[in-house]
Protein backbone atom coordinates (compact mmCIF):
# COMPACT_ATOMS: atom_id res chain seq x y z
CA MET A 1 0.00 0.00 0.00
CA ILE A 2 1.21 3.49 -0.88
CA ASP A 3 1.32 5.98 2.00
CA SER A 4 -0.71 8.80 0.44
CA ASN A 5 0.17 11.11 3.33
CA LEU A 6 3.79 11.28 2.16
CA ILE A 7 3.24 12.35 -1.43
CA ASP A 8 1.04 14.85 -3.25
CA HIS A 9 -2.02 13.97 -5.31
CA SER A 10 -0.30 14.18 -8.71
CA SER A 11 2.66 12.04 -7.63
CA LEU A 12 0.32 9.49 -6.06
CA SER A 13 -1.67 9.16 -9.27
CA ARG A 14 1.52 8.62 -11.28
CA LEU A 15 2.78 5.95 -8.84
CA ILE A 16 -0.55 4.12 -9.02
CA ALA A 17 -0.54 4.36 -12.83
CA GLU A 18 2.99 2.91 -12.92
CA LYS A 19 1.96 -0.03 -10.73
CA ILE A 20 -1.06 -0.79 -12.91
CA ALA A 21 1.09 -0.44 -16.05
CA GLU A 22 3.48 -3.01 -14.58
CA ASP A 23 0.58 -5.46 -14.20
CA ILE A 24 -0.41 -4.86 -17.83
CA ILE A 25 3.12 -5.30 -19.18
CA THR A 26 3.73 -8.48 -17.19
CA GLY A 27 0.41 -9.94 -18.32
CA LYS A 28 -1.24 -9.95 -14.91
CA LEU A 29 -3.93 -7.74 -16.43
CA LYS A 30 -5.25 -8.80 -19.84
CA SER A 31 -6.90 -7.08 -22.76
CA GLY A 32 -10.55 -6.36 -21.94
CA ASP A 33 -10.13 -6.50 -18.14
CA LYS A 34 -12.11 -3.78 -16.40
CA LEU A 35 -10.43 -1.49 -13.89
CA ILE A 36 -12.63 -0.87 -10.84
CA GLU A 37 -11.98 2.43 -9.05
CA THR A 38 -13.22 1.22 -5.65
CA ASN A 39 -11.02 -1.88 -5.76
CA TYR A 40 -7.89 0.14 -6.45
CA ALA A 41 -8.83 2.81 -3.90
CA GLU A 42 -8.99 0.07 -1.28
CA GLU A 43 -5.77 -1.59 -2.49
CA PHE A 44 -3.78 1.65 -2.42
CA GLY A 45 -5.48 3.10 0.65
CA THR A 46 -6.63 6.30 -0.98
CA SER A 47 -9.72 8.08 -2.25
CA ARG A 48 -11.11 7.46 -5.73
CA ALA A 49 -9.83 10.79 -7.11
CA PRO A 50 -6.15 9.70 -7.49
CA ILE A 51 -7.32 6.39 -8.96
CA ARG A 52 -9.44 8.20 -11.54
CA GLU A 53 -6.44 10.36 -12.42
CA ALA A 54 -4.24 7.25 -12.72
CA PHE A 55 -6.71 5.70 -15.17
CA TYR A 56 -6.61 8.95 -17.16
CA LEU A 57 -2.79 8.83 -17.31
CA LEU A 58 -2.91 5.20 -18.49
CA ALA A 59 -5.37 6.21 -21.21
CA ILE A 60 -2.95 8.91 -22.40
CA ASP A 61 -0.18 6.29 -22.45
CA GLY A 62 -2.35 4.06 -24.66
CA LEU A 63 -2.79 1.17 -22.22
CA VAL A 64 -6.36 1.85 -21.12
CA GLU A 65 -9.58 2.80 -22.90
CA ARG A 66 -12.19 4.92 -21.16
CA ILE A 67 -15.60 3.88 -22.50
CA PRO A 68 -18.75 5.88 -21.65
CA ARG A 69 -21.06 4.04 -19.22
CA LYS A 70 -18.59 1.13 -19.06
CA GLY A 71 -15.61 2.70 -17.35
CA SER A 72 -11.92 1.98 -17.94
CA ILE A 73 -10.76 -1.26 -19.53
CA ILE A 74 -7.38 -2.63 -20.59
CA ARG A 75 -6.90 -1.79 -24.23
CA GLY A 76 -6.47 -4.54 -26.77
CA TYR A 77 -4.60 -4.16 -30.04
CA SER A 78 -5.92 -5.33 -33.39
CA GLU A 79 -3.68 -6.72 -36.12
CA ARG A 80 -3.74 -3.30 -37.82
CA ASP A 81 -2.79 -1.55 -34.55
CA ILE A 82 0.19 -3.83 -34.06
CA ILE A 83 1.37 -3.42 -37.64
CA ASP A 84 1.07 0.36 -37.28
CA LEU A 85 3.08 0.38 -34.04
CA ILE A 86 5.93 -1.63 -35.55
CA GLU A 87 5.94 0.27 -38.85
CA ILE A 88 6.03 3.65 -37.07
CA ARG A 89 8.90 2.34 -34.96
CA MET A 90 10.72 1.19 -38.11
CA THR A 91 10.24 4.59 -39.75
CA LEU A 92 11.55 6.51 -36.74
CA GLU A 93 14.52 4.19 -36.24
CA ALA A 94 15.39 4.40 -39.94
CA LEU A 95 15.35 8.20 -39.65
CA ALA A 96 17.53 7.95 -36.56
CA MET A 97 20.05 5.82 -38.44
CA ASP A 98 20.13 8.35 -41.27
CA ARG A 99 20.89 11.12 -38.76
CA ILE A 100 23.61 9.02 -37.14
CA LYS A 101 25.20 8.48 -40.56
CA MET A 102 25.18 12.24 -41.15
CA ARG A 103 26.59 13.17 -37.74
CA GLY A 104 28.64 10.13 -36.78
CA SER A 105 28.21 7.87 -33.77
CA TYR A 106 28.85 9.07 -30.24
CA GLU A 107 31.35 7.12 -28.16
CA SER A 108 29.65 7.85 -24.84
CA LEU A 109 26.39 6.36 -26.11
CA ILE A 110 28.23 3.40 -27.64
CA LYS A 111 29.63 2.63 -24.20
CA VAL A 112 26.14 2.77 -22.69
CA MET A 113 24.88 0.35 -25.33
CA GLU A 114 27.82 -1.98 -24.71
CA GLU A 115 26.83 -2.12 -21.03
CA LEU A 116 23.23 -2.82 -22.03
CA ILE A 117 24.33 -5.68 -24.28
CA LEU A 118 26.08 -7.34 -21.33
CA LYS A 119 22.93 -7.03 -19.23
CA MET A 120 20.78 -8.34 -22.10
CA GLU A 121 23.03 -11.39 -22.40
CA GLU A 122 22.55 -12.11 -18.69
CA SER A 123 18.77 -11.68 -18.78
CA GLN A 124 17.85 -13.94 -21.69
CA GLU A 125 15.89 -16.25 -19.37
CA ASN A 126 13.78 -13.34 -18.08
CA SER A 127 11.53 -12.04 -20.86
CA LEU A 128 10.32 -9.01 -18.87
CA GLU A 129 13.80 -7.82 -17.94
CA TYR A 130 15.09 -8.52 -21.44
CA THR A 131 12.19 -6.49 -22.87
CA ARG A 132 13.08 -3.48 -20.72
CA LEU A 133 16.75 -3.66 -21.68
CA ASN A 134 15.79 -4.10 -25.33
CA GLN A 135 13.77 -0.90 -25.17
CA GLU A 136 16.74 0.92 -23.61
CA PHE A 137 18.97 -0.32 -26.41
CA HIS A 138 16.63 1.04 -29.07
CA MET A 139 16.38 4.32 -27.18
CA GLY A 140 20.17 4.44 -27.40
CA ILE A 141 19.85 4.47 -31.19
CA ILE A 142 17.24 7.22 -30.98
CA ASN A 143 19.43 9.27 -28.60
CA MET A 144 22.41 8.82 -30.90
CA SER A 145 20.47 10.60 -33.66
CA LYS A 146 20.57 13.80 -31.55
CA SER A 147 17.09 14.65 -32.85
CA GLU A 148 14.65 15.84 -30.19
CA ILE A 149 11.76 15.53 -32.64
CA ILE A 150 12.51 11.88 -33.43
CA LYS A 151 12.96 11.20 -29.72
CA MET A 152 9.68 12.90 -28.80
CA MET A 153 7.73 10.92 -31.39
CA TYR A 154 9.44 7.65 -30.43
CA LEU A 155 8.62 8.08 -26.75
CA ARG A 156 4.93 8.19 -27.67
CA LEU A 157 5.19 4.50 -28.63
CA GLY A 158 6.53 3.72 -25.15
CA LEU A 159 4.25 1.54 -23.04
CA PRO A 160 2.12 -0.04 -25.81
CA LEU A 161 5.30 -1.10 -27.61
CA LEU A 162 6.82 -2.41 -24.37
CA SER A 163 3.69 -4.47 -23.66
CA LEU A 164 3.62 -5.86 -27.20
CA GLN A 165 7.29 -6.80 -27.21
CA ARG A 166 7.13 -8.54 -23.85
CA VAL A 167 4.56 -10.94 -25.29
CA SER A 168 6.48 -11.39 -28.55
CA PHE A 169 9.60 -12.42 -26.60
CA ASP A 170 7.73 -15.33 -25.02
CA GLY A 171 8.11 -17.31 -28.24
CA GLU A 172 10.76 -20.02 -28.27
CA GLY A 173 14.10 -18.79 -29.59
CA THR A 174 12.97 -15.19 -30.12
CA ILE A 175 15.16 -13.70 -27.39
CA LYS A 176 18.21 -15.63 -28.57
CA ASN A 177 17.73 -14.40 -32.15
CA SER A 178 16.98 -10.87 -30.94
CA PHE A 179 20.20 -10.78 -28.92
CA LYS A 180 22.28 -11.83 -31.93
CA GLU A 181 20.73 -9.06 -34.01
CA HIS A 182 21.46 -6.47 -31.32
CA LEU A 183 25.09 -7.62 -31.18
CA ASP A 184 25.31 -7.22 -34.95
CA ILE A 185 23.73 -3.73 -34.89
CA LEU A 186 26.12 -2.53 -32.19
CA ASP A 187 29.16 -4.01 -33.95
CA LYS A 188 28.29 -2.19 -37.17
CA LEU A 189 27.66 1.09 -35.34
CA LYS A 190 31.07 0.83 -33.68
CA LYS A 191 32.67 0.29 -37.09
CA HIS A 192 30.69 3.20 -38.59
CA LYS A 193 29.02 0.84 -41.07
CA PHE A 194 25.80 2.80 -40.75
CA ASP A 195 24.00 1.51 -43.86
CA GLU A 196 24.66 -2.08 -42.80
CA ALA A 197 23.52 -1.32 -39.25
CA LYS A 198 20.31 0.18 -40.64
CA ASN A 199 19.65 -2.92 -42.75
CA VAL A 200 20.09 -5.23 -39.77
CA LEU A 201 17.85 -2.98 -37.67
CA MET A 202 15.09 -3.05 -40.29
CA LYS A 203 15.33 -6.84 -40.52
CA HIS A 204 15.19 -7.01 -36.73
CA ASN A 205 11.99 -4.94 -36.67
CA GLN A 206 10.44 -7.13 -39.36
CA ASN A 207 11.18 -10.14 -37.16
CA VAL A 208 9.45 -8.40 -34.23
CA LEU A 209 6.39 -7.93 -36.41
CA ARG A 210 6.49 -11.56 -37.53
CA ASN A 211 6.65 -12.73 -33.89
CA SER A 212 3.97 -10.34 -32.67
CA PRO A 213 0.78 -11.68 -31.00
CA LEU A 214 -1.50 -10.52 -33.80
CA LYS A 215 -5.25 -10.20 -33.36
CA GLN A 216 -5.24 -9.73 -29.63
CA THR A 217 -8.79 -8.37 -29.91
């Protein structure tokens, strides 16, 4: 239970939203599940106002739908939604690679990605942890582009993409193949083979789409 006396209303709502998001990403909450304000108010020891605000934040993040006269439910993603998510990601990451080619790679970010690769190698038996590290790796590519616009647009994919990828990594062999592709991308970035890195990245994203849990709804 969160001690609501120690934090303000806005911070409390964000903490509650993060905890619910965790349940969605890990699969504890499924597509179509209804979120009951009174249940969460009791669980978190607070009034319904911060819970309502938390549901609103989750709706903005794309994890929850607020339906008139039905309340808030966990959002499901159609085949078209999933394809759109992955294709938007591919477009933004391709743009990021083009910017990296123009400006060159950044050694400090390369070092961060090298550290992430080590952690990804160690977490291949934990799909949730691997998913989080995978997202950080891809954010490294976005950050390397030094484009605030690309970064801003990419961050909008955040939680829905994280939820989708966590499920896609449950397939047998997908994490192992994903890790090999990330190694290859990083190796080519370090060698300034930017066109080759972009090609591997696009193939990697196509594999994510192929392994996606299509038709969730």
